[in-house]
Structures are given as C-alpha cells and as structure tokens.
Amino acid sequence: MADLKQLFNDLIRFEIDLWNAIDARLRGEFGLPLGNFDAMQVVARTPSCRVFDIARELAITVGGTSKVVDRIEAAGHCVRRSNPDDRRSSIIELTPAGEAVLAEATTAFESELELRFGSVLSARSLTQLCTTMAKLRSAGTRPPVQVHGDTDTDTERTG
C-alpha cells in the first residue's frame, strides 16, 4: 500500500523546490518573478485576456490576480485597455517589452524544466507523470469517486 502521507509530503516539497528554483533563475536573469511569468503566459495565449481568465487558469483569486497584473503593468510588461464588450472589465495585453522578456524567460523556463524533469525521467515515465497529474487535477474538480481494489487502470468502480 502506498504511503499517501509521504506522497503528499514529497509532492508538496518537490513543488516548492521546483517553484523556488525556477523563480530564482527568472528573477536573477530577467528580474521577472515566476508568478508574473505565469500570468504573462496566460495573457500571451488568451485573446482578449481579462483578469478573470488569468485567475481561472492559474486557480488563484481574482483579487490576487489583479495585484499580479498591477505589478506586471508597473514593470512595463502589460497594459490594460477598456473591454468593448464589458465596461466592468479590462483587456490585458503584453507590451513589446513584455513580449520580449516573456520570450527570453520562456527559454530559461523550458531549460529548467528539462533539467528537473527531462534529464531525470525517461520519455515514458514523463508521459505517464503528465497523464497522472492531469488525471489528479481533473479529479480535484469533481466529487471524489469511491474506488475499490488496488488496480492501476483507468477503470474505476463506484460503490
């Protein structure tokens, strides 16, 4: 039987170590905190991006997201403009400077991911980890399913 408490501890500590390492690199090389980088990625890939869109994708509060966008805007990496479809919200767009720093930081980010995942896990293990994480995240957004037995398949029985 798997030790779920140990799994929790390992997962959380790994996430903290991973976040801290990538954050340190992005801050050191680009003066860009990982939280800002994360939000800027959402802005870059989301047409007519709003604070709500960033909050939903990053699973953080709208208030917290608004503060992150304020910091990105203060750094000159994004601008807000009136949303023509909803006067209560703004559209967030990266500035040319924001696009440039995001492009450079993305290369460093991907390099760190390769170092911390790709150089440690086989392609098969990495694919399996990605599938497992997606499955766990998806399960976190719906009511839990009662699972019987000790199988490693995608079929679940409810009771």
C-alpha atoms as a PDB file:
ATOM      1  CA  MET A   1       0.000   0.000   0.000  1.00  0.00           C
ATOM      2  CA  ALA A   2       1.306   3.399  -0.924  1.00  0.00           C
ATOM      3  CA  ASP A   3       2.076   5.811   1.902  1.00  0.00           C
ATOM      4  CA  LEU A   4      -0.200   8.680   0.875  1.00  0.00           C
ATOM      5  CA  LYS A   5       1.108  10.979   3.608  1.00  0.00           C
ATOM      6  CA  GLN A   6       4.628  10.535   2.288  1.00  0.00           C
ATOM      7  CA  LEU A   7       3.394  11.059  -1.273  1.00  0.00           C
ATOM      8  CA  PHE A   8       1.757  14.302  -0.169  1.00  0.00           C
ATOM      9  CA  ASN A   9       4.942  15.467   1.554  1.00  0.00           C
ATOM     10  CA  ASP A  10       7.130  14.548  -1.420  1.00  0.00           C
ATOM     11  CA  LEU A  11       4.778  16.204  -3.905  1.00  0.00           C
ATOM     12  CA  ILE A  12       4.457  19.439  -1.927  1.00  0.00           C
ATOM     13  CA  ARG A  13       8.192  19.688  -1.166  1.00  0.00           C
ATOM     14  CA  PHE A  14       9.040  18.985  -4.811  1.00  0.00           C
ATOM     15  CA  GLU A  15       6.611  21.682  -5.936  1.00  0.00           C
ATOM     16  CA  ILE A  16       8.150  24.184  -3.506  1.00  0.00           C
ATOM     17  CA  ASP A  17      11.708  23.307  -4.573  1.00  0.00           C
ATOM     18  CA  LEU A  18      10.757  23.482  -8.260  1.00  0.00           C
ATOM     19  CA  TRP A  19       8.963  26.822  -7.851  1.00  0.00           C
ATOM     20  CA  ASN A  20      11.840  28.326  -5.852  1.00  0.00           C
ATOM     21  CA  ALA A  21      14.494  27.185  -8.326  1.00  0.00           C
ATOM     22  CA  ILE A  22      12.654  28.491 -11.389  1.00  0.00           C
ATOM     23  CA  ASP A  23      11.679  31.694  -9.599  1.00  0.00           C
ATOM     24  CA  ALA A  24      15.306  32.331  -8.602  1.00  0.00           C
ATOM     25  CA  ARG A  25      16.506  31.812 -12.155  1.00  0.00           C
ATOM     26  CA  LEU A  26      13.860  34.061 -13.726  1.00  0.00           C
ATOM     27  CA  ARG A  27      14.406  36.777 -11.115  1.00  0.00           C
ATOM     28  CA  GLY A  28      18.176  36.540 -11.460  1.00  0.00           C
ATOM     29  CA  GLU A  29      18.320  36.584 -15.251  1.00  0.00           C
ATOM     30  CA  PHE A  30      15.298  38.727 -16.120  1.00  0.00           C
ATOM     31  CA  GLY A  31      14.083  40.431 -12.945  1.00  0.00           C
ATOM     32  CA  LEU A  32      10.846  38.511 -13.525  1.00  0.00           C
ATOM     33  CA  PRO A  33       9.160  36.664 -10.648  1.00  0.00           C
ATOM     34  CA  LEU A  34       7.685  33.291 -11.593  1.00  0.00           C
ATOM     35  CA  GLY A  35       4.191  34.454 -10.610  1.00  0.00           C
ATOM     36  CA  ASN A  36       4.425  37.295 -13.135  1.00  0.00           C
ATOM     37  CA  PHE A  37       5.847  34.951 -15.770  1.00  0.00           C
ATOM     38  CA  ASP A  38       2.997  32.512 -15.186  1.00  0.00           C
ATOM     39  CA  ALA A  39       0.352  35.236 -15.609  1.00  0.00           C
ATOM     40  CA  MET A  40       2.124  36.672 -18.672  1.00  0.00           C
ATOM     41  CA  GLN A  41       1.994  33.256 -20.353  1.00  0.00           C
ATOM     42  CA  VAL A  42      -1.783  33.243 -19.926  1.00  0.00           C
ATOM     43  CA  VAL A  43      -2.061  36.765 -21.336  1.00  0.00           C
ATOM     44  CA  ALA A  44       0.090  35.813 -24.327  1.00  0.00           C
ATOM     45  CA  ARG A  45      -2.066  32.819 -25.291  1.00  0.00           C
ATOM     46  CA  THR A  46      -5.518  34.207 -24.406  1.00  0.00           C
ATOM     47  CA  PRO A  47      -7.223  36.519 -26.896  1.00  0.00           C
ATOM     48  CA  SER A  48      -8.942  39.462 -25.163  1.00  0.00           C
ATOM     49  CA  CYS A  49      -7.495  38.309 -21.849  1.00  0.00           C
ATOM     50  CA  ARG A  50      -9.158  39.521 -18.654  1.00  0.00           C
ATOM     51  CA  VAL A  51      -8.121  39.231 -15.004  1.00  0.00           C
ATOM     52  CA  PHE A  52     -10.812  36.560 -14.630  1.00  0.00           C
ATOM     53  CA  ASP A  53      -9.209  34.472 -17.405  1.00  0.00           C
ATOM     54  CA  ILE A  54      -5.843  34.510 -15.651  1.00  0.00           C
ATOM     55  CA  ALA A  55      -7.403  33.717 -12.266  1.00  0.00           C
ATOM     56  CA  ARG A  56      -9.357  30.780 -13.686  1.00  0.00           C
ATOM     57  CA  GLU A  57      -6.381  29.268 -15.498  1.00  0.00           C
ATOM     58  CA  LEU A  58      -3.958  29.694 -12.586  1.00  0.00           C
ATOM     59  CA  ALA A  59      -6.547  28.679  -9.958  1.00  0.00           C
ATOM     60  CA  ILE A  60      -5.978  31.824  -7.888  1.00  0.00           C
ATOM     61  CA  THR A  61      -8.351  34.526  -6.654  1.00  0.00           C
ATOM     62  CA  VAL A  62      -9.435  37.423  -8.846  1.00  0.00           C
ATOM     63  CA  GLY A  63      -8.140  39.851  -6.207  1.00  0.00           C
ATOM     64  CA  GLY A  64      -4.730  38.185  -6.137  1.00  0.00           C
ATOM     65  CA  THR A  65      -4.649  38.104  -9.915  1.00  0.00           C
ATOM     66  CA  SER A  66      -5.463  41.799 -10.114  1.00  0.00           C
ATOM     67  CA  LYS A  67      -2.482  42.548  -7.860  1.00  0.00           C
ATOM     68  CA  VAL A  68      -0.207  40.413 -10.058  1.00  0.00           C
ATOM     69  CA  VAL A  69      -1.419  42.271 -13.151  1.00  0.00           C
ATOM     70  CA  ASP A  70      -0.788  45.579 -11.327  1.00  0.00           C
ATOM     71  CA  ARG A  71       2.846  44.506 -10.757  1.00  0.00           C
ATOM     72  CA  ILE A  72       3.267  43.358 -14.370  1.00  0.00           C
ATOM     73  CA  GLU A  73       1.815  46.651 -15.570  1.00  0.00           C
ATOM     74  CA  ALA A  74       4.076  48.664 -13.227  1.00  0.00           C
ATOM     75  CA  ALA A  75       7.080  46.806 -14.705  1.00  0.00           C
ATOM     76  CA  GLY A  76       6.000  47.932 -18.170  1.00  0.00           C
ATOM     77  CA  HIS A  77       5.235  44.409 -19.364  1.00  0.00           C
ATOM     78  CA  CYS A  78       1.478  44.814 -19.939  1.00  0.00           C
ATOM     79  CA  VAL A  79      -1.241  47.383 -20.403  1.00  0.00           C
ATOM     80  CA  ARG A  80      -4.943  47.361 -19.653  1.00  0.00           C
ATOM     81  CA  ARG A  81      -7.471  48.765 -22.067  1.00  0.00           C
ATOM     82  CA  SER A  82     -11.218  49.062 -21.805  1.00  0.00           C
ATOM     83  CA  ASN A  83     -13.146  45.953 -22.722  1.00  0.00           C
ATOM     84  CA  PRO A  84     -15.549  46.976 -25.509  1.00  0.00           C
ATOM     85  CA  ASP A  85     -17.853  44.059 -24.616  1.00  0.00           C
ATOM     86  CA  ASP A  86     -17.972  44.676 -20.843  1.00  0.00           C
ATOM     87  CA  ARG A  87     -17.312  48.097 -19.353  1.00  0.00           C
ATOM     88  CA  ARG A  88     -16.721  46.498 -15.940  1.00  0.00           C
ATOM     89  CA  SER A  89     -13.567  44.711 -17.083  1.00  0.00           C
ATOM     90  CA  SER A  90     -10.360  45.448 -18.916  1.00  0.00           C
ATOM     91  CA  ILE A  91      -8.465  43.626 -21.624  1.00  0.00           C
ATOM     92  CA  ILE A  92      -4.861  42.893 -20.700  1.00  0.00           C
ATOM     93  CA  GLU A  93      -2.191  42.898 -23.399  1.00  0.00           C
ATOM     94  CA  LEU A  94       1.544  42.425 -23.231  1.00  0.00           C
ATOM     95  CA  THR A  95       3.662  45.383 -24.277  1.00  0.00           C
ATOM     96  CA  PRO A  96       6.509  44.858 -26.749  1.00  0.00           C
ATOM     97  CA  ALA A  97       8.872  44.844 -23.743  1.00  0.00           C
ATOM     98  CA  GLY A  98       6.657  42.254 -22.047  1.00  0.00           C
ATOM     99  CA  GLU A  99       6.616  40.072 -25.152  1.00  0.00           C
ATOM    100  CA  ALA A 100      10.416  40.271 -25.400  1.00  0.00           C
ATOM    101  CA  VAL A 101      11.079  39.385 -21.751  1.00  0.00           C
ATOM    102  CA  LEU A 102       8.487  36.602 -21.902  1.00  0.00           C
ATOM    103  CA  ALA A 103      10.186  35.082 -24.956  1.00  0.00           C
ATOM    104  CA  GLU A 104      13.614  35.142 -23.300  1.00  0.00           C
ATOM    105  CA  ALA A 105      12.292  33.928 -19.961  1.00  0.00           C
ATOM    106  CA  THR A 106      10.402  31.091 -21.668  1.00  0.00           C
ATOM    107  CA  THR A 107      13.701  29.707 -22.957  1.00  0.00           C
ATOM    108  CA  ALA A 108      15.151  29.731 -19.420  1.00  0.00           C
ATOM    109  CA  PHE A 109      11.927  28.252 -18.007  1.00  0.00           C
ATOM    110  CA  GLU A 110      11.964  25.393 -20.514  1.00  0.00           C
ATOM    111  CA  SER A 111      15.634  24.782 -19.781  1.00  0.00           C
ATOM    112  CA  GLU A 112      14.870  24.438 -16.063  1.00  0.00           C
ATOM    113  CA  LEU A 113      12.014  22.048 -16.791  1.00  0.00           C
ATOM    114  CA  GLU A 114      14.274  19.938 -18.970  1.00  0.00           C
ATOM    115  CA  LEU A 115      16.917  19.881 -16.232  1.00  0.00           C
ATOM    116  CA  ARG A 116      14.469  18.951 -13.470  1.00  0.00           C
ATOM    117  CA  PHE A 117      12.229  16.545 -15.410  1.00  0.00           C
ATOM    118  CA  GLY A 118      13.602  15.601 -18.826  1.00  0.00           C
ATOM    119  CA  SER A 119      17.094  14.772 -17.631  1.00  0.00           C
ATOM    120  CA  VAL A 120      15.776  12.653 -14.747  1.00  0.00           C
ATOM    121  CA  LEU A 121      12.829  10.751 -16.205  1.00  0.00           C
ATOM    122  CA  SER A 122      12.578   8.592 -19.302  1.00  0.00           C
ATOM    123  CA  ALA A 123      10.207   9.739 -22.026  1.00  0.00           C
ATOM    124  CA  ARG A 124       7.770   7.005 -20.976  1.00  0.00           C
ATOM    125  CA  SER A 125       7.914   7.989 -17.304  1.00  0.00           C
ATOM    126  CA  LEU A 126       7.477  11.638 -18.193  1.00  0.00           C
ATOM    127  CA  THR A 127       4.420  10.864 -20.322  1.00  0.00           C
ATOM    128  CA  GLN A 128       2.992   8.745 -17.514  1.00  0.00           C
ATOM    129  CA  LEU A 129       3.626  11.526 -14.969  1.00  0.00           C
ATOM    130  CA  CYS A 130       1.890  14.076 -17.209  1.00  0.00           C
ATOM    131  CA  THR A 131      -1.101  11.777 -17.642  1.00  0.00           C
ATOM    132  CA  THR A 132      -1.276  11.051 -13.922  1.00  0.00           C
ATOM    133  CA  MET A 133      -1.058  14.730 -12.943  1.00  0.00           C
ATOM    134  CA  ALA A 134      -3.785  15.662 -15.445  1.00  0.00           C
ATOM    135  CA  LYS A 135      -5.971  12.889 -14.055  1.00  0.00           C
ATOM    136  CA  LEU A 136      -5.401  14.019 -10.468  1.00  0.00           C
ATOM    137  CA  ARG A 137      -6.105  17.663 -11.290  1.00  0.00           C
ATOM    138  CA  SER A 138      -9.263  16.693 -13.139  1.00  0.00           C
ATOM    139  CA  ALA A 139     -10.412  14.569 -10.208  1.00  0.00           C
ATOM    140  CA  GLY A 140      -9.925  17.559  -7.920  1.00  0.00           C
ATOM    141  CA  THR A 141     -12.575  19.498  -9.822  1.00  0.00           C
ATOM    142  CA  ARG A 142     -15.350  16.930  -9.415  1.00  0.00           C
ATOM    143  CA  PRO A 143     -16.751  14.926  -6.489  1.00  0.00           C
ATOM    144  CA  PRO A 144     -14.487  12.035  -5.459  1.00  0.00           C
ATOM    145  CA  VAL A 145     -15.178   8.596  -6.868  1.00  0.00           C
ATOM    146  CA  GLN A 146     -15.143   5.660  -4.466  1.00  0.00           C
ATOM    147  CA  VAL A 147     -12.559   3.190  -5.809  1.00  0.00           C
ATOM    148  CA  HIS A 148     -12.470  -0.465  -4.778  1.00  0.00           C
ATOM    149  CA  GLY A 149      -9.485  -2.702  -5.261  1.00  0.00           C
ATOM    150  CA  ASP A 150      -5.836  -1.970  -5.854  1.00  0.00           C
ATOM    151  CA  THR A 151      -5.520  -1.604  -9.601  1.00  0.00           C
ATOM    152  CA  ASP A 152      -3.503   0.740 -11.741  1.00  0.00           C
ATOM    153  CA  THR A 153      -6.017   1.041 -14.556  1.00  0.00           C
ATOM    154  CA  ASP A 154      -8.225   3.851 -15.724  1.00  0.00           C
ATOM    155  CA  THR A 155     -11.391   1.911 -14.878  1.00  0.00           C
ATOM    156  CA  GLU A 156     -12.985   2.831 -11.593  1.00  0.00           C
ATOM    157  CA  ARG A 157     -15.907   1.182  -9.896  1.00  0.00           C
ATOM    158  CA  THR A 158     -18.185   3.106  -7.594  1.00  0.00           C
ATOM    159  CA  GLY A 159     -19.881   1.572  -4.621  1.00  0.00           C
END
